[in-house]
Amino acid sequence: MGKFDFRGVHPGVEFGTASDRYAGWMGQIYTPGRYEGRITSRRKKLGPRTYEEKVLPVECVEEYFRHFGVLELDFTFIDADKRNYLNYYLKVKEMTRPGGLIILDNVLWSGKVVQPESEIDDILVETNRLIAEDPDVENVFLTVRDGLNVVRKVR
């Protein structure tokens, strides 16, 4: 696997994702079968190793945070099930400290948000609208690839 050199990063900063942690706890803090049939997975090859990524229902993530007592987040990158984008955003915003950042990926959805044609298009439009009108946050769109909505919680 490749090495990364992060210069000037405080030694207390850890890189990783919540999924690295909670996927390993499936069956230990969750009742077996609780999310049966609702967990999807895919395999990715990185160098000589193959990794399996599990996608869990949004309420599973909420349960994880309650279990481990995570009360405040500094930074969250959301690139998940588009049908639940608004749910993910609202939950993450609630747990983000003032000054914290939330970045949502794919918010321009290949331009489909300009003329929505599907349920997912409508959800992304609604998520973007809600963020733009929220007095508790500041946001800016970056038109990189499918668009990023960079959100800073101000209160």
C-alpha atoms as a PDB file:
ATOM      1  CA  MET A   1       0.000   0.000   0.000  1.00  0.00           C
ATOM      2  CA  GLY A   2       1.195   3.540  -0.705  1.00  0.00           C
ATOM      3  CA  LYS A   3       2.643   5.845   1.911  1.00  0.00           C
ATOM      4  CA  PHE A   4       1.455   9.371   2.502  1.00  0.00           C
ATOM      5  CA  ASP A   5       3.548  12.172   3.947  1.00  0.00           C
ATOM      6  CA  PHE A   6       1.401  14.740   5.742  1.00  0.00           C
ATOM      7  CA  ARG A   7       3.758  17.578   6.632  1.00  0.00           C
ATOM      8  CA  GLY A   8       2.893  19.848   9.518  1.00  0.00           C
ATOM      9  CA  VAL A   9      -0.048  17.801  10.773  1.00  0.00           C
ATOM     10  CA  HIS A  10      -0.399  17.692  14.547  1.00  0.00           C
ATOM     11  CA  PRO A  11       0.522  14.212  15.876  1.00  0.00           C
ATOM     12  CA  GLY A  12      -2.863  13.978  17.628  1.00  0.00           C
ATOM     13  CA  VAL A  13      -4.753  14.131  14.322  1.00  0.00           C
ATOM     14  CA  GLU A  14      -5.986  10.761  13.103  1.00  0.00           C
ATOM     15  CA  PHE A  15      -7.112  10.012   9.570  1.00  0.00           C
ATOM     16  CA  GLY A  16      -9.813   7.493   8.873  1.00  0.00           C
ATOM     17  CA  THR A  17     -13.532   7.104   8.508  1.00  0.00           C
ATOM     18  CA  ALA A  18     -16.273   6.186  10.901  1.00  0.00           C
ATOM     19  CA  SER A  19     -16.919   3.144   8.744  1.00  0.00           C
ATOM     20  CA  ASP A  20     -13.419   1.854   9.540  1.00  0.00           C
ATOM     21  CA  ARG A  21     -14.521   1.743  13.135  1.00  0.00           C
ATOM     22  CA  TYR A  22     -18.184   0.780  13.151  1.00  0.00           C
ATOM     23  CA  ALA A  23     -17.977  -1.881  10.464  1.00  0.00           C
ATOM     24  CA  GLY A  24     -15.687  -3.824  12.798  1.00  0.00           C
ATOM     25  CA  TRP A  25     -18.274  -3.623  15.560  1.00  0.00           C
ATOM     26  CA  MET A  26     -21.163  -5.133  13.573  1.00  0.00           C
ATOM     27  CA  GLY A  27     -22.533  -7.973  15.642  1.00  0.00           C
ATOM     28  CA  GLN A  28     -20.845  -6.675  18.791  1.00  0.00           C
ATOM     29  CA  ILE A  29     -22.975  -3.614  19.485  1.00  0.00           C
ATOM     30  CA  TYR A  30     -25.817  -4.350  17.090  1.00  0.00           C
ATOM     31  CA  THR A  31     -28.280  -7.160  17.476  1.00  0.00           C
ATOM     32  CA  PRO A  32     -27.465  -9.852  14.880  1.00  0.00           C
ATOM     33  CA  GLY A  33     -29.884  -9.610  11.986  1.00  0.00           C
ATOM     34  CA  ARG A  34     -30.961  -6.081  12.894  1.00  0.00           C
ATOM     35  CA  TYR A  35     -29.823  -4.675   9.556  1.00  0.00           C
ATOM     36  CA  GLU A  36     -30.012  -7.968   7.645  1.00  0.00           C
ATOM     37  CA  GLY A  37     -30.733  -7.438   3.975  1.00  0.00           C
ATOM     38  CA  ARG A  38     -29.981  -3.706   4.244  1.00  0.00           C
ATOM     39  CA  ILE A  39     -26.171  -3.819   4.204  1.00  0.00           C
ATOM     40  CA  THR A  40     -24.486  -3.637   0.824  1.00  0.00           C
ATOM     41  CA  SER A  41     -20.826  -4.190   0.127  1.00  0.00           C
ATOM     42  CA  ARG A  42     -18.289  -3.755  -2.619  1.00  0.00           C
ATOM     43  CA  ARG A  43     -14.667  -4.737  -3.012  1.00  0.00           C
ATOM     44  CA  LYS A  44     -11.848  -2.417  -4.019  1.00  0.00           C
ATOM     45  CA  LYS A  45      -8.293  -3.326  -4.913  1.00  0.00           C
ATOM     46  CA  LEU A  46      -5.512  -1.064  -3.697  1.00  0.00           C
ATOM     47  CA  GLY A  47      -2.074  -2.291  -4.625  1.00  0.00           C
ATOM     48  CA  PRO A  48      -1.820  -5.987  -3.836  1.00  0.00           C
ATOM     49  CA  ARG A  49      -4.625  -5.904  -1.237  1.00  0.00           C
ATOM     50  CA  THR A  50      -8.381  -6.102  -1.681  1.00  0.00           C
ATOM     51  CA  TYR A  51     -10.662  -4.266   0.744  1.00  0.00           C
ATOM     52  CA  GLU A  52     -14.348  -4.766   1.357  1.00  0.00           C
ATOM     53  CA  GLU A  53     -16.433  -1.677   1.990  1.00  0.00           C
ATOM     54  CA  LYS A  54     -19.775  -2.077   3.761  1.00  0.00           C
ATOM     55  CA  VAL A  55     -22.535   0.468   3.361  1.00  0.00           C
ATOM     56  CA  LEU A  56     -24.803   0.525   6.378  1.00  0.00           C
ATOM     57  CA  PRO A  57     -28.218   2.176   6.862  1.00  0.00           C
ATOM     58  CA  VAL A  58     -28.161   5.757   8.188  1.00  0.00           C
ATOM     59  CA  GLU A  59     -29.760   4.761  11.512  1.00  0.00           C
ATOM     60  CA  CYS A  60     -26.854   2.358  12.024  1.00  0.00           C
ATOM     61  CA  VAL A  61     -24.459   5.318  11.928  1.00  0.00           C
ATOM     62  CA  GLU A  62     -26.605   7.189  14.462  1.00  0.00           C
ATOM     63  CA  GLU A  63     -26.565   4.154  16.743  1.00  0.00           C
ATOM     64  CA  TYR A  64     -22.789   3.966  16.445  1.00  0.00           C
ATOM     65  CA  PHE A  65     -22.327   7.579  17.514  1.00  0.00           C
ATOM     66  CA  ARG A  66     -24.690   7.129  20.470  1.00  0.00           C
ATOM     67  CA  HIS A  67     -22.866   3.975  21.563  1.00  0.00           C
ATOM     68  CA  PHE A  68     -19.389   5.493  21.483  1.00  0.00           C
ATOM     69  CA  GLY A  69     -20.433   8.880  22.838  1.00  0.00           C
ATOM     70  CA  VAL A  70     -19.218  10.972  19.906  1.00  0.00           C
ATOM     71  CA  LEU A  71     -20.730  14.337  20.695  1.00  0.00           C
ATOM     72  CA  GLU A  72     -19.005  16.775  18.335  1.00  0.00           C
ATOM     73  CA  LEU A  73     -17.557  16.489  14.887  1.00  0.00           C
ATOM     74  CA  ASP A  74     -14.963  18.827  13.383  1.00  0.00           C
ATOM     75  CA  PHE A  75     -15.147  17.657   9.772  1.00  0.00           C
ATOM     76  CA  THR A  76     -17.392  15.351   7.787  1.00  0.00           C
ATOM     77  CA  PHE A  77     -17.264  14.421   4.102  1.00  0.00           C
ATOM     78  CA  ILE A  78     -20.602  13.092   2.852  1.00  0.00           C
ATOM     79  CA  ASP A  79     -20.532  10.940  -0.275  1.00  0.00           C
ATOM     80  CA  ALA A  80     -23.203   8.369   0.385  1.00  0.00           C
ATOM     81  CA  ASP A  81     -26.597   7.058  -0.599  1.00  0.00           C
ATOM     82  CA  LYS A  82     -28.163  10.074  -2.329  1.00  0.00           C
ATOM     83  CA  ARG A  83     -31.685   9.155  -1.186  1.00  0.00           C
ATOM     84  CA  ASN A  84     -30.542   9.824   2.391  1.00  0.00           C
ATOM     85  CA  TYR A  85     -28.362  12.890   1.721  1.00  0.00           C
ATOM     86  CA  LEU A  86     -30.682  15.240   3.584  1.00  0.00           C
ATOM     87  CA  ASN A  87     -30.933  12.813   6.532  1.00  0.00           C
ATOM     88  CA  TYR A  88     -27.145  12.437   6.679  1.00  0.00           C
ATOM     89  CA  TYR A  89     -26.644  16.196   6.486  1.00  0.00           C
ATOM     90  CA  LEU A  90     -29.193  17.016   9.201  1.00  0.00           C
ATOM     91  CA  LYS A  91     -27.748  14.440  11.607  1.00  0.00           C
ATOM     92  CA  VAL A  92     -24.153  15.451  10.949  1.00  0.00           C
ATOM     93  CA  LYS A  93     -25.004  19.158  11.281  1.00  0.00           C
ATOM     94  CA  GLU A  94     -26.563  18.473  14.678  1.00  0.00           C
ATOM     95  CA  MET A  95     -23.318  16.840  15.850  1.00  0.00           C
ATOM     96  CA  THR A  96     -20.906  19.348  14.248  1.00  0.00           C
ATOM     97  CA  ARG A  97     -19.295  21.920  16.513  1.00  0.00           C
ATOM     98  CA  PRO A  98     -19.541  25.628  15.595  1.00  0.00           C
ATOM     99  CA  GLY A  99     -16.700  26.298  13.166  1.00  0.00           C
ATOM    100  CA  GLY A 100     -16.774  22.702  11.930  1.00  0.00           C
ATOM    101  CA  LEU A 101     -16.956  21.792   8.248  1.00  0.00           C
ATOM    102  CA  ILE A 102     -19.289  19.517   6.331  1.00  0.00           C
ATOM    103  CA  ILE A 103     -18.540  18.803   2.689  1.00  0.00           C
ATOM    104  CA  LEU A 104     -21.194  17.170   0.526  1.00  0.00           C
ATOM    105  CA  ASP A 105     -20.049  15.553  -2.726  1.00  0.00           C
ATOM    106  CA  ASN A 106     -22.017  15.254  -5.989  1.00  0.00           C
ATOM    107  CA  VAL A 107     -24.341  18.183  -5.194  1.00  0.00           C
ATOM    108  CA  LEU A 108     -24.532  19.351  -8.817  1.00  0.00           C
ATOM    109  CA  TRP A 109     -25.151  15.777 -10.024  1.00  0.00           C
ATOM    110  CA  SER A 110     -23.887  16.261 -13.595  1.00  0.00           C
ATOM    111  CA  GLY A 111     -26.044  19.390 -13.860  1.00  0.00           C
ATOM    112  CA  LYS A 112     -29.260  17.474 -13.186  1.00  0.00           C
ATOM    113  CA  VAL A 113     -30.067  19.757 -10.241  1.00  0.00           C
ATOM    114  CA  VAL A 114     -30.776  22.559 -12.740  1.00  0.00           C
ATOM    115  CA  GLN A 115     -33.609  20.567 -14.339  1.00  0.00           C
ATOM    116  CA  PRO A 116     -34.482  17.737 -11.934  1.00  0.00           C
ATOM    117  CA  GLU A 117     -35.842  14.601 -13.575  1.00  0.00           C
ATOM    118  CA  SER A 118     -35.783  12.049 -10.779  1.00  0.00           C
ATOM    119  CA  GLU A 119     -36.382  11.596  -7.064  1.00  0.00           C
ATOM    120  CA  ILE A 120     -32.640  11.736  -6.390  1.00  0.00           C
ATOM    121  CA  ASP A 121     -32.330  14.995  -8.364  1.00  0.00           C
ATOM    122  CA  ASP A 122     -35.157  16.463  -6.242  1.00  0.00           C
ATOM    123  CA  ILE A 123     -33.506  15.326  -2.988  1.00  0.00           C
ATOM    124  CA  LEU A 124     -30.221  16.989  -3.955  1.00  0.00           C
ATOM    125  CA  VAL A 125     -32.044  20.207  -4.914  1.00  0.00           C
ATOM    126  CA  GLU A 126     -33.901  20.199  -1.582  1.00  0.00           C
ATOM    127  CA  THR A 127     -30.699  19.507   0.372  1.00  0.00           C
ATOM    128  CA  ASN A 128     -28.894  22.362  -1.395  1.00  0.00           C
ATOM    129  CA  ARG A 129     -31.872  24.713  -0.846  1.00  0.00           C
ATOM    130  CA  LEU A 130     -32.120  23.882   2.848  1.00  0.00           C
ATOM    131  CA  ILE A 131     -28.395  24.518   3.338  1.00  0.00           C
ATOM    132  CA  ALA A 132     -28.505  27.813   1.407  1.00  0.00           C
ATOM    133  CA  GLU A 133     -31.412  29.094   3.551  1.00  0.00           C
ATOM    134  CA  ASP A 134     -30.042  27.879   6.905  1.00  0.00           C
ATOM    135  CA  PRO A 135     -28.933  30.826   9.098  1.00  0.00           C
ATOM    136  CA  ASP A 136     -26.767  28.473  11.190  1.00  0.00           C
ATOM    137  CA  VAL A 137     -24.330  27.772   8.333  1.00  0.00           C
ATOM    138  CA  GLU A 138     -22.310  29.442   5.593  1.00  0.00           C
ATOM    139  CA  ASN A 139     -21.722  27.564   2.384  1.00  0.00           C
ATOM    140  CA  VAL A 140     -20.022  27.756  -0.972  1.00  0.00           C
ATOM    141  CA  PHE A 141     -20.332  25.525  -4.034  1.00  0.00           C
ATOM    142  CA  LEU A 142     -17.192  24.310  -5.760  1.00  0.00           C
ATOM    143  CA  THR A 143     -17.848  23.312  -9.344  1.00  0.00           C
ATOM    144  CA  VAL A 144     -15.266  20.549  -9.315  1.00  0.00           C
ATOM    145  CA  ARG A 145     -16.476  17.432 -11.119  1.00  0.00           C
ATOM    146  CA  ASP A 146     -20.049  16.803  -9.856  1.00  0.00           C
ATOM    147  CA  GLY A 147     -19.851  19.659  -7.365  1.00  0.00           C
ATOM    148  CA  LEU A 148     -18.972  20.074  -3.719  1.00  0.00           C
ATOM    149  CA  ASN A 149     -21.046  21.991  -1.193  1.00  0.00           C
ATOM    150  CA  VAL A 150     -18.636  23.210   1.487  1.00  0.00           C
ATOM    151  CA  VAL A 151     -20.600  24.067   4.625  1.00  0.00           C
ATOM    152  CA  ARG A 152     -19.249  25.790   7.736  1.00  0.00           C
ATOM    153  CA  LYS A 153     -21.408  25.709  10.843  1.00  0.00           C
ATOM    154  CA  VAL A 154     -21.392  29.186  12.395  1.00  0.00           C
ATOM    155  CA  ARG A 155     -23.677  28.468  15.388  1.00  0.00           C
END
